[in-house]
Amino acid sequence: MSAQRKARVEHALKEALQSAITHDVKDPRVRAAALVTVSKVELNVDLSVANVYISVIGDDAKAEGVVAGLAKAAEFLRRPIGRELSLQHAPELRFMLDVSIDMSEKLHAIVREDEAKARAAGRDPKDGK
């Protein structure tokens, strides 16, 4: 399996899943979130399993509900997406929460807070002094 083909399938799977989640999934737990985004898809070497990372705008309880709703809809999504992408065997879909976005936001908040403290102390945060 070439790395280029794997990357193409991952990208196509990401786009198809985003569309299917937005338009086809009717689970109220998924619909309850303001925004559900497929942030990344990682396929294993033989393309039999796809780890689908999602980010959810909302609180943690809502995010966990979205993951549970998508896990329940995984089989419903698998076959049509396999046909849409012309895959002989559609991968098993495993949905998980992408925490990298939350972590990034927390780190930015910490940096902004440190810069504000430095300014309040009369230092220029850009100088590092």
N, C-alpha and C. Protein backbone atom coordinates (compact mmCIF):
# COMPACT_ATOMS: atom_id res chain seq x y z
N MET A 1 0.85 -1.18 0.00
CA MET A 1 0.00 0.00 0.00
C MET A 1 0.89 1.24 0.00
N SER A 2 0.66 2.10 -0.95
CA SER A 2 1.48 3.30 -1.00
C SER A 2 0.96 4.33 0.00
N ALA A 3 1.87 5.12 0.51
CA ALA A 3 1.51 6.16 1.47
C ALA A 3 0.61 7.21 0.81
N GLN A 4 0.82 7.44 -0.48
CA GLN A 4 0.00 8.42 -1.19
C GLN A 4 -1.45 7.95 -1.29
N ARG A 5 -1.65 6.67 -1.59
CA ARG A 5 -3.01 6.15 -1.69
C ARG A 5 -3.70 6.20 -0.33
N LYS A 6 -2.97 5.82 0.70
CA LYS A 6 -3.53 5.86 2.05
C LYS A 6 -3.95 7.28 2.41
N ALA A 7 -3.11 8.27 2.10
CA ALA A 7 -3.42 9.67 2.40
C ALA A 7 -4.64 10.13 1.60
N ARG A 8 -4.73 9.71 0.33
CA ARG A 8 -5.90 10.09 -0.49
C ARG A 8 -7.19 9.49 0.08
N VAL A 9 -7.14 8.23 0.49
CA VAL A 9 -8.32 7.58 1.05
C VAL A 9 -8.71 8.24 2.37
N GLU A 10 -7.71 8.57 3.20
CA GLU A 10 -8.00 9.25 4.47
C GLU A 10 -8.69 10.59 4.22
N HIS A 11 -8.18 11.35 3.27
CA HIS A 11 -8.77 12.66 2.97
C HIS A 11 -10.20 12.51 2.44
N ALA A 12 -10.38 11.59 1.49
CA ALA A 12 -11.72 11.37 0.93
C ALA A 12 -12.69 10.87 2.00
N LEU A 13 -12.21 10.02 2.88
CA LEU A 13 -13.04 9.51 3.97
C LEU A 13 -13.43 10.64 4.92
N LYS A 14 -12.50 11.52 5.20
CA LYS A 14 -12.78 12.67 6.07
C LYS A 14 -13.89 13.53 5.48
N GLU A 15 -13.78 13.85 4.20
CA GLU A 15 -14.78 14.69 3.53
C GLU A 15 -16.15 14.00 3.50
N ALA A 16 -16.16 12.71 3.16
CA ALA A 16 -17.43 11.98 3.06
C ALA A 16 -18.09 11.85 4.43
N LEU A 17 -17.29 11.59 5.46
CA LEU A 17 -17.85 11.48 6.81
C LEU A 17 -18.40 12.81 7.30
N GLN A 18 -17.70 13.90 7.02
CA GLN A 18 -18.19 15.21 7.44
C GLN A 18 -19.56 15.48 6.83
N SER A 19 -19.70 15.19 5.56
CA SER A 19 -20.97 15.40 4.88
C SER A 19 -22.05 14.47 5.45
N ALA A 20 -21.72 13.21 5.65
CA ALA A 20 -22.70 12.25 6.16
C ALA A 20 -23.14 12.60 7.58
N ILE A 21 -22.21 13.02 8.42
CA ILE A 21 -22.56 13.39 9.80
C ILE A 21 -23.48 14.60 9.78
N THR A 22 -23.18 15.55 8.94
CA THR A 22 -23.98 16.77 8.86
C THR A 22 -25.38 16.52 8.31
N HIS A 23 -25.49 15.67 7.30
CA HIS A 23 -26.77 15.51 6.60
C HIS A 23 -27.55 14.25 6.93
N ASP A 24 -26.87 13.15 7.27
CA ASP A 24 -27.55 11.86 7.36
C ASP A 24 -27.76 11.34 8.77
N VAL A 25 -26.91 11.72 9.71
CA VAL A 25 -27.04 11.20 11.07
C VAL A 25 -28.14 11.97 11.79
N LYS A 26 -29.14 11.23 12.25
CA LYS A 26 -30.30 11.85 12.90
C LYS A 26 -30.31 11.66 14.41
N ASP A 27 -29.28 11.02 14.95
CA ASP A 27 -29.22 10.76 16.40
C ASP A 27 -29.30 12.09 17.15
N PRO A 28 -30.22 12.21 18.12
CA PRO A 28 -30.37 13.48 18.84
C PRO A 28 -29.13 13.89 19.63
N ARG A 29 -28.31 12.93 20.04
CA ARG A 29 -27.08 13.27 20.76
C ARG A 29 -26.11 14.00 19.83
N VAL A 30 -26.09 13.60 18.57
CA VAL A 30 -25.21 14.25 17.59
C VAL A 30 -25.80 15.60 17.19
N ARG A 31 -27.10 15.66 17.01
CA ARG A 31 -27.78 16.90 16.62
C ARG A 31 -27.75 17.95 17.73
N ALA A 32 -27.58 17.52 18.99
CA ALA A 32 -27.59 18.45 20.12
C ALA A 32 -26.38 19.38 20.12
N ALA A 33 -25.28 18.94 19.51
CA ALA A 33 -24.06 19.76 19.49
C ALA A 33 -24.21 20.89 18.47
N ALA A 34 -23.66 22.03 18.80
CA ALA A 34 -23.72 23.18 17.90
C ALA A 34 -22.92 22.91 16.62
N LEU A 35 -21.77 22.25 16.76
CA LEU A 35 -20.92 21.99 15.62
C LEU A 35 -20.10 20.73 15.86
N VAL A 36 -20.15 19.80 14.92
CA VAL A 36 -19.35 18.58 14.97
C VAL A 36 -18.47 18.60 13.72
N THR A 37 -17.17 18.51 13.93
CA THR A 37 -16.22 18.56 12.81
C THR A 37 -15.32 17.33 12.84
N VAL A 38 -15.14 16.73 11.67
CA VAL A 38 -14.17 15.64 11.54
C VAL A 38 -12.82 16.31 11.35
N SER A 39 -11.96 16.19 12.37
CA SER A 39 -10.67 16.88 12.30
C SER A 39 -9.58 16.04 11.66
N LYS A 40 -9.70 14.71 11.77
CA LYS A 40 -8.65 13.86 11.20
C LYS A 40 -9.18 12.44 11.08
N VAL A 41 -8.69 11.73 10.06
CA VAL A 41 -8.99 10.31 9.90
C VAL A 41 -7.66 9.60 9.73
N GLU A 42 -7.45 8.56 10.52
CA GLU A 42 -6.23 7.75 10.42
C GLU A 42 -6.63 6.32 10.11
N LEU A 43 -6.14 5.80 8.99
CA LEU A 43 -6.40 4.43 8.60
C LEU A 43 -5.23 3.54 9.00
N ASN A 44 -5.53 2.28 9.35
CA ASN A 44 -4.44 1.36 9.61
C ASN A 44 -3.84 0.92 8.28
N VAL A 45 -2.81 0.11 8.31
CA VAL A 45 -2.05 -0.23 7.11
C VAL A 45 -2.89 -0.88 6.03
N ASP A 46 -3.78 -1.79 6.40
CA ASP A 46 -4.58 -2.49 5.39
C ASP A 46 -5.95 -1.84 5.13
N LEU A 47 -6.15 -0.63 5.63
CA LEU A 47 -7.36 0.16 5.43
C LEU A 47 -8.62 -0.50 5.99
N SER A 48 -8.47 -1.37 6.97
CA SER A 48 -9.64 -2.06 7.52
C SER A 48 -10.26 -1.32 8.70
N VAL A 49 -9.51 -0.42 9.34
CA VAL A 49 -10.01 0.33 10.49
C VAL A 49 -9.65 1.80 10.31
N ALA A 50 -10.66 2.65 10.52
CA ALA A 50 -10.45 4.09 10.44
C ALA A 50 -10.72 4.70 11.81
N ASN A 51 -9.72 5.33 12.39
CA ASN A 51 -9.91 6.11 13.61
C ASN A 51 -10.30 7.51 13.17
N VAL A 52 -11.52 7.90 13.55
CA VAL A 52 -12.08 9.18 13.12
C VAL A 52 -12.09 10.11 14.33
N TYR A 53 -11.29 11.17 14.25
CA TYR A 53 -11.19 12.14 15.34
C TYR A 53 -12.15 13.28 15.07
N ILE A 54 -12.98 13.59 16.05
CA ILE A 54 -13.95 14.66 15.88
C ILE A 54 -13.75 15.72 16.95
N SER A 55 -14.08 16.95 16.60
CA SER A 55 -14.09 18.02 17.59
C SER A 55 -15.53 18.51 17.69
N VAL A 56 -15.91 18.85 18.90
CA VAL A 56 -17.29 19.22 19.19
C VAL A 56 -17.30 20.55 19.91
N ILE A 57 -18.12 21.47 19.42
CA ILE A 57 -18.32 22.73 20.13
C ILE A 57 -19.42 22.47 21.15
N GLY A 58 -19.08 22.65 22.40
CA GLY A 58 -20.04 22.39 23.48
C GLY A 58 -19.30 21.86 24.70
N ASP A 59 -20.06 21.53 25.73
CA ASP A 59 -19.43 21.05 26.95
C ASP A 59 -19.01 19.58 26.81
N ASP A 60 -18.28 19.08 27.81
CA ASP A 60 -17.75 17.72 27.76
C ASP A 60 -18.85 16.67 27.71
N ALA A 61 -19.93 16.88 28.43
CA ALA A 61 -21.02 15.90 28.43
C ALA A 61 -21.64 15.80 27.04
N LYS A 62 -21.80 16.93 26.39
CA LYS A 62 -22.35 16.93 25.04
C LYS A 62 -21.40 16.24 24.07
N ALA A 63 -20.10 16.47 24.24
CA ALA A 63 -19.10 15.85 23.38
C ALA A 63 -19.12 14.33 23.53
N GLU A 64 -19.23 13.86 24.76
CA GLU A 64 -19.29 12.41 24.99
C GLU A 64 -20.56 11.82 24.37
N GLY A 65 -21.65 12.56 24.42
CA GLY A 65 -22.89 12.13 23.79
C GLY A 65 -22.75 12.02 22.27
N VAL A 66 -22.04 12.98 21.68
CA VAL A 66 -21.81 12.95 20.24
C VAL A 66 -20.99 11.72 19.86
N VAL A 67 -19.94 11.43 20.62
CA VAL A 67 -19.11 10.26 20.34
C VAL A 67 -19.95 8.98 20.45
N ALA A 68 -20.79 8.90 21.48
CA ALA A 68 -21.65 7.72 21.64
C ALA A 68 -22.64 7.60 20.49
N GLY A 69 -23.22 8.71 20.08
CA GLY A 69 -24.16 8.70 18.97
C GLY A 69 -23.51 8.29 17.66
N LEU A 70 -22.30 8.78 17.43
CA LEU A 70 -21.58 8.41 16.20
C LEU A 70 -21.14 6.96 16.23
N ALA A 71 -20.76 6.47 17.41
CA ALA A 71 -20.38 5.05 17.53
C ALA A 71 -21.58 4.17 17.18
N LYS A 72 -22.76 4.58 17.61
CA LYS A 72 -23.98 3.83 17.31
C LYS A 72 -24.30 3.90 15.81
N ALA A 73 -23.99 5.02 15.17
CA ALA A 73 -24.27 5.20 13.74
C ALA A 73 -23.16 4.69 12.83
N ALA A 74 -22.08 4.16 13.39
CA ALA A 74 -20.92 3.76 12.59
C ALA A 74 -21.27 2.75 11.50
N GLU A 75 -22.04 1.73 11.83
CA GLU A 75 -22.41 0.74 10.82
C GLU A 75 -23.33 1.34 9.77
N PHE A 76 -24.21 2.24 10.18
CA PHE A 76 -25.10 2.94 9.26
C PHE A 76 -24.28 3.76 8.25
N LEU A 77 -23.19 4.36 8.70
CA LEU A 77 -22.35 5.21 7.85
C LEU A 77 -21.39 4.40 6.98
N ARG A 78 -20.99 3.25 7.46
CA ARG A 78 -19.91 2.48 6.83
C ARG A 78 -20.22 2.08 5.39
N ARG A 79 -21.35 1.47 5.15
CA ARG A 79 -21.65 0.95 3.81
C ARG A 79 -21.81 2.06 2.76
N PRO A 80 -22.63 3.08 3.01
CA PRO A 80 -22.76 4.13 1.98
C PRO A 80 -21.45 4.85 1.67
N ILE A 81 -20.64 5.04 2.70
CA ILE A 81 -19.36 5.73 2.47
C ILE A 81 -18.42 4.83 1.68
N GLY A 82 -18.42 3.55 1.97
CA GLY A 82 -17.61 2.61 1.19
C GLY A 82 -18.01 2.62 -0.28
N ARG A 83 -19.33 2.66 -0.55
CA ARG A 83 -19.81 2.73 -1.94
C ARG A 83 -19.43 4.06 -2.58
N GLU A 84 -19.60 5.15 -1.82
CA GLU A 84 -19.29 6.49 -2.36
C GLU A 84 -17.82 6.60 -2.75
N LEU A 85 -16.95 5.99 -1.96
CA LEU A 85 -15.51 6.07 -2.23
C LEU A 85 -15.00 4.92 -3.10
N SER A 86 -15.91 4.05 -3.53
CA SER A 86 -15.57 2.89 -4.37
C SER A 86 -14.53 2.00 -3.70
N LEU A 87 -14.72 1.75 -2.41
CA LEU A 87 -13.82 0.87 -1.68
C LEU A 87 -14.40 -0.54 -1.68
N GLN A 88 -13.58 -1.52 -1.96
CA GLN A 88 -14.05 -2.90 -1.98
C GLN A 88 -14.53 -3.31 -0.58
N HIS A 89 -13.77 -2.92 0.43
CA HIS A 89 -14.14 -3.19 1.82
C HIS A 89 -14.10 -1.86 2.58
N ALA A 90 -15.26 -1.42 3.03
CA ALA A 90 -15.31 -0.18 3.81
C ALA A 90 -14.68 -0.42 5.17
N PRO A 91 -13.90 0.53 5.67
CA PRO A 91 -13.24 0.34 6.96
C PRO A 91 -14.22 0.42 8.13
N GLU A 92 -13.87 -0.28 9.19
CA GLU A 92 -14.61 -0.14 10.45
C GLU A 92 -14.35 1.27 10.96
N LEU A 93 -15.40 1.97 11.36
CA LEU A 93 -15.27 3.35 11.82
C LEU A 93 -15.24 3.39 13.34
N ARG A 94 -14.20 3.98 13.89
CA ARG A 94 -14.07 4.16 15.33
C ARG A 94 -13.97 5.66 15.61
N PHE A 95 -14.98 6.18 16.27
CA PHE A 95 -15.02 7.62 16.54
C PHE A 95 -14.41 7.92 17.91
N MET A 96 -13.62 8.98 17.95
CA MET A 96 -13.04 9.43 19.21
C MET A 96 -12.91 10.94 19.21
N LEU A 97 -12.92 11.49 20.40
CA LEU A 97 -12.85 12.92 20.57
C LEU A 97 -11.42 13.41 20.33
N ASP A 98 -11.27 14.46 19.54
CA ASP A 98 -9.97 15.06 19.28
C ASP A 98 -9.71 16.11 20.35
N VAL A 99 -8.82 15.79 21.27
CA VAL A 99 -8.54 16.70 22.38
C VAL A 99 -7.44 17.70 22.04
N SER A 100 -6.81 17.58 20.89
CA SER A 100 -5.71 18.48 20.53
C SER A 100 -6.20 19.91 20.40
N ILE A 101 -7.41 20.12 19.92
CA ILE A 101 -7.93 21.48 19.77
C ILE A 101 -8.15 22.11 21.14
N ASP A 102 -8.75 21.34 22.07
CA ASP A 102 -8.94 21.85 23.42
C ASP A 102 -7.61 22.17 24.08
N MET A 103 -6.63 21.30 23.90
CA MET A 103 -5.32 21.50 24.49
C MET A 103 -4.67 22.76 23.91
N SER A 104 -4.81 22.96 22.63
CA SER A 104 -4.25 24.14 21.98
C SER A 104 -4.88 25.41 22.55
N GLU A 105 -6.19 25.41 22.72
CA GLU A 105 -6.88 26.57 23.28
C GLU A 105 -6.41 26.84 24.71
N LYS A 106 -6.22 25.81 25.50
CA LYS A 106 -5.75 25.98 26.88
C LYS A 106 -4.34 26.55 26.90
N LEU A 107 -3.48 26.06 26.02
CA LEU A 107 -2.10 26.57 25.97
C LEU A 107 -2.08 28.04 25.55
N HIS A 108 -2.91 28.41 24.58
CA HIS A 108 -2.99 29.81 24.17
C HIS A 108 -3.48 30.69 25.31
N ALA A 109 -4.43 30.20 26.07
CA ALA A 109 -4.94 30.96 27.22
C ALA A 109 -3.85 31.17 28.25
N ILE A 110 -3.05 30.14 28.51
CA ILE A 110 -1.95 30.25 29.47
C ILE A 110 -0.92 31.28 28.99
N VAL A 111 -0.58 31.24 27.70
CA VAL A 111 0.38 32.19 27.16
C VAL A 111 -0.16 33.61 27.27
N ARG A 112 -1.43 33.82 26.92
CA ARG A 112 -2.02 35.16 27.02
C ARG A 112 -2.01 35.65 28.46
N GLU A 113 -2.31 34.76 29.40
CA GLU A 113 -2.32 35.12 30.82
C GLU A 113 -0.91 35.51 31.28
N ASP A 114 0.10 34.74 30.87
CA ASP A 114 1.48 35.06 31.24
C ASP A 114 1.92 36.39 30.65
N GLU A 115 1.52 36.66 29.40
CA GLU A 115 1.87 37.94 28.79
C GLU A 115 1.22 39.09 29.53
N ALA A 116 -0.03 38.92 29.93
CA ALA A 116 -0.73 39.97 30.68
C ALA A 116 -0.05 40.22 32.02
N LYS A 117 0.38 39.15 32.71
CA LYS A 117 1.09 39.31 33.99
C LYS A 117 2.41 40.03 33.78
N ALA A 118 3.12 39.71 32.70
CA ALA A 118 4.39 40.36 32.41
C ALA A 118 4.18 41.85 32.15
N ARG A 119 3.15 42.20 31.41
CA ARG A 119 2.86 43.61 31.15
C ARG A 119 2.50 44.33 32.44
N ALA A 120 1.71 43.67 33.29
CA ALA A 120 1.30 44.27 34.56
C ALA A 120 2.51 44.50 35.46
N ALA A 121 3.55 43.67 35.32
CA ALA A 121 4.76 43.82 36.12
C ALA A 121 5.74 44.80 35.48
N GLY A 122 5.36 45.35 34.31
CA GLY A 122 6.21 46.34 33.66
C GLY A 122 7.27 45.73 32.76
N ARG A 123 7.11 44.47 32.39
CA ARG A 123 8.08 43.83 31.48
C ARG A 123 7.44 43.67 30.11
N ASP A 124 8.30 43.61 29.10
CA ASP A 124 7.83 43.35 27.75
C ASP A 124 7.88 41.85 27.52
N PRO A 125 6.74 41.21 27.30
CA PRO A 125 6.75 39.76 27.15
C PRO A 125 7.49 39.28 25.91
N LYS A 126 7.69 40.16 24.94
CA LYS A 126 8.40 39.77 23.72
C LYS A 126 9.91 39.67 23.94
N ASP A 127 10.44 40.43 24.90
CA ASP A 127 11.88 40.42 25.18
C ASP A 127 12.31 39.18 25.95
N GLY A 128 11.40 38.60 26.70
CA GLY A 128 11.78 37.46 27.53
C GLY A 128 12.53 37.87 28.78
N LYS A 129 12.55 39.16 29.09
CA LYS A 129 13.28 39.64 30.28
C LYS A 129 12.32 40.01 31.37
